[in-house]
Amino acid sequence: GVQTCALPIFHEYHSSAEFKNKILKFFKPFIDASKYMYYIAELDLIKSYTTFAVNGLSETRVQTPHLDHAGNFYVGLFYMRDSEDRSTGGDLELYSATVDDVVFEQYRKPIKQHISLHSIVPYQADTMVWMLTGPRSIHGASPRIGATKFRKYVNINTRVPTLAHSYE
C-alpha cells in the first residue's frame, strides 16, 4: 500500500546530509560546547541512519533506563502506533540524574538510586521525539501491558564514526 511505498523515501530523506544539517541547526542554540566538545570537532563526520524497529508482544519492560551509544550525537524516534493497539506502556521515559556522578552498574545502565523519572512521552501514532545524546541523556521505555499489537517506530541515529563506545 501507500505506507510501504513511503518508507524508502522517508529513509532516504532522514538519512541525508540535508536533513542532518537542518537538525544540527535546530540543536545549535542548545549545545553547551563544553559538554559536547567531542562532537563539535567532528560535525562533518556525523552520519545519519534510520532503523525501522518492531518490538514484540512481551509484557516486560521494553527498554530499561540507559544511555545510547557514546558515538551518537542526536537521536530521533518516530512512533507508528497501530490504531487498534489498546495496550498501555511502551512510553519514552526521560530521567534526570540525582547525583553529580552517576554510577553505571552495567554497560550504559545507571543504578536506580542515581536517577529519577523526569517526564514521559506517550507512545502514540505520529509522535516524533528528538534528543541530544550524552552522558546525561538517560532514557528508557515503560513496560507494555495487554499488548496484542507490535510496538512500531523509526529510530533515527546520527553517529560520529571516530568516537568510542564509552563517555569516559
Protein backbone atom coordinates (compact mmCIF):
# COMPACT_ATOMS: atom_id res chain seq x y z
CA GLY A 1 0.00 0.00 0.00
CA VAL A 2 0.85 3.66 0.25
CA GLN A 3 2.66 3.28 3.58
CA THR A 4 5.09 0.70 2.18
CA CYS A 5 5.93 2.91 -0.81
CA ALA A 6 6.68 5.85 1.50
CA LEU A 7 9.25 4.01 3.64
CA PRO A 8 12.20 4.25 1.19
CA ILE A 9 11.53 7.98 0.70
CA PHE A 10 11.32 8.52 4.48
CA HIS A 11 14.57 6.59 4.97
CA GLU A 12 16.43 8.39 2.18
CA TYR A 13 15.49 11.88 3.38
CA HIS A 14 16.06 11.27 7.10
CA SER A 15 19.48 9.75 6.37
CA SER A 16 20.54 12.64 4.12
CA ALA A 17 23.12 15.36 4.76
CA GLU A 18 20.39 17.96 4.09
CA PHE A 19 18.23 16.64 6.93
CA LYS A 20 21.21 16.21 9.26
CA ASN A 21 22.20 19.84 8.69
CA LYS A 22 18.66 21.05 9.48
CA ILE A 23 18.65 19.13 12.77
CA LEU A 24 22.13 20.39 13.69
CA LYS A 25 20.99 23.95 13.01
CA PHE A 26 17.96 23.39 15.25
CA PHE A 27 20.07 21.99 18.13
CA LYS A 28 22.87 24.57 17.88
CA PRO A 29 21.41 27.02 20.46
CA PHE A 30 21.02 24.17 22.96
CA ILE A 31 24.51 22.74 22.64
CA ASP A 32 26.83 23.50 25.54
CA ALA A 33 30.20 23.37 23.78
CA SER A 34 31.97 22.28 26.96
CA LYS A 35 29.75 19.18 27.23
CA TYR A 36 29.69 18.36 23.53
CA MET A 37 33.26 19.30 22.61
CA TYR A 38 33.96 15.80 21.33
CA TYR A 39 31.17 16.24 18.76
CA ILE A 40 31.83 19.83 17.71
CA ALA A 41 35.17 18.96 16.12
CA GLU A 42 33.62 16.05 14.23
CA LEU A 43 30.39 17.56 12.83
CA ASP A 44 31.37 16.91 9.22
CA LEU A 45 31.86 13.21 10.01
CA ILE A 46 28.40 12.70 11.50
CA LYS A 47 26.38 10.13 9.56
CA SER A 48 22.63 9.65 9.86
CA TYR A 49 20.98 6.23 9.91
CA THR A 50 17.35 5.18 10.07
CA THR A 51 16.20 1.88 11.52
CA PHE A 52 12.65 0.60 11.29
CA ALA A 53 12.04 -1.24 14.55
CA VAL A 54 9.34 -3.56 15.84
CA ASN A 55 9.19 -4.70 19.47
CA GLY A 56 7.47 -7.93 20.45
CA LEU A 57 4.30 -8.51 22.43
CA SER A 58 6.04 -9.20 25.73
CA GLU A 59 4.57 -7.53 28.82
CA THR A 60 8.00 -6.82 30.21
CA ARG A 61 9.89 -3.55 30.08
CA VAL A 62 10.70 -2.58 26.50
CA GLN A 63 14.00 -0.91 27.49
CA THR A 64 15.32 -0.14 30.96
CA PRO A 65 16.91 3.28 31.66
CA HIS A 66 20.14 3.60 29.67
CA LEU A 67 22.41 5.83 27.62
CA ASP A 68 22.66 5.43 23.88
CA HIS A 69 25.97 4.72 22.15
CA ALA A 70 28.56 7.41 23.02
CA GLY A 71 29.24 7.98 19.32
CA ASN A 72 25.68 9.20 18.72
CA PHE A 73 25.12 12.94 18.53
CA TYR A 74 21.33 13.05 18.42
CA VAL A 75 18.53 10.52 18.19
CA GLY A 76 15.03 10.76 16.79
CA LEU A 77 12.13 8.42 17.48
CA PHE A 78 9.03 8.39 15.29
CA TYR A 79 6.21 6.30 16.76
CA MET A 80 3.87 4.41 14.42
CA ARG A 81 1.36 3.02 16.90
CA ASP A 82 -1.37 0.84 15.40
CA SER A 83 -4.82 2.46 15.73
CA GLU A 84 -6.13 -0.83 17.16
CA ASP A 85 -3.41 -1.10 19.83
CA ARG A 86 -5.20 -0.94 23.21
CA SER A 87 -2.14 -1.71 25.35
CA THR A 88 -0.66 0.66 27.89
CA GLY A 89 3.02 1.46 28.24
CA GLY A 90 5.79 1.50 25.67
CA ASP A 91 6.17 5.19 26.51
CA LEU A 92 9.50 7.02 26.33
CA GLU A 93 10.70 7.81 29.85
CA LEU A 94 13.23 10.62 30.32
CA TYR A 95 15.31 10.62 33.50
CA SER A 96 17.25 13.21 35.49
CA ALA A 97 20.39 12.49 37.46
CA THR A 98 20.00 12.89 41.23
CA VAL A 99 23.77 12.99 41.84
CA ASP A 100 26.68 14.69 40.07
CA ASP A 101 28.48 11.47 39.17
CA VAL A 102 26.01 8.81 38.04
CA VAL A 103 27.29 5.27 38.53
CA PHE A 104 26.51 2.71 35.84
CA GLU A 105 26.13 -0.88 37.06
CA GLN A 106 26.02 -2.36 33.60
CA TYR A 107 27.08 -1.15 30.20
CA ARG A 108 25.37 2.30 29.88
CA LYS A 109 22.70 1.41 32.52
CA PRO A 110 22.60 3.69 35.60
CA ILE A 111 21.91 2.44 39.10
CA LYS A 112 18.34 3.31 40.11
CA GLN A 113 19.38 5.36 43.15
CA HIS A 114 21.13 7.90 40.91
CA ILE A 115 18.20 8.78 38.64
CA SER A 116 14.59 9.93 38.89
CA LEU A 117 11.84 9.97 36.28
CA HIS A 118 11.65 13.47 34.80
CA SER A 119 8.99 13.20 32.09
CA ILE A 120 7.11 10.78 29.87
CA VAL A 121 6.43 10.96 26.14
CA PRO A 122 3.39 8.74 25.39
CA TYR A 123 3.70 6.01 22.74
CA GLN A 124 1.21 7.49 20.25
CA ALA A 125 0.86 7.37 16.48
CA ASP A 126 2.64 10.12 14.55
CA THR A 127 4.73 11.27 17.52
CA MET A 128 8.27 12.44 16.84
CA VAL A 129 10.86 12.92 19.60
CA TRP A 130 14.35 14.38 19.18
CA MET A 131 17.08 14.46 21.81
CA LEU A 132 20.77 15.17 22.04
CA THR A 133 22.70 12.22 23.36
CA GLY A 134 25.37 12.49 26.01
CA PRO A 135 26.36 11.35 29.48
CA ARG A 136 23.15 12.83 30.99
CA SER A 137 20.67 11.67 28.29
CA ILE A 138 19.26 8.79 30.32
CA HIS A 139 16.04 7.36 28.94
CA GLY A 140 14.07 4.13 28.66
CA ALA A 141 10.67 2.76 27.65
CA SER A 142 7.95 1.73 30.08
CA PRO A 143 6.60 -1.85 30.31
CA ARG A 144 3.74 -2.70 27.98
CA ILE A 145 0.58 -4.18 29.45
CA GLY A 146 -2.03 -6.03 27.38
CA ALA A 147 -0.07 -5.87 24.12
CA THR A 148 -1.78 -7.54 21.16
CA LYS A 149 -0.07 -5.39 18.52
CA PHE A 150 3.63 -4.91 17.90
CA ARG A 151 5.30 -1.66 19.04
CA LYS A 152 6.49 0.04 15.83
CA TYR A 153 8.78 3.02 15.47
CA VAL A 154 11.57 4.51 13.39
CA ASN A 155 14.86 5.17 15.15
CA ILE A 156 16.94 7.91 13.50
CA ASN A 157 20.52 7.85 14.76
CA THR A 158 23.46 10.03 13.97
CA ARG A 159 26.86 8.64 14.71
CA VAL A 160 30.36 10.03 14.63
CA PRO A 161 32.31 7.01 13.37
CA THR A 162 35.56 8.03 15.07
CA LEU A 163 34.13 8.14 18.62
CA ALA A 164 34.47 5.37 21.16
CA HIS A 165 31.69 3.32 22.76
CA SER A 166 32.15 5.00 26.16
CA TYR A 167 31.55 8.50 27.53
CA GLU A 168 34.69 8.25 29.67
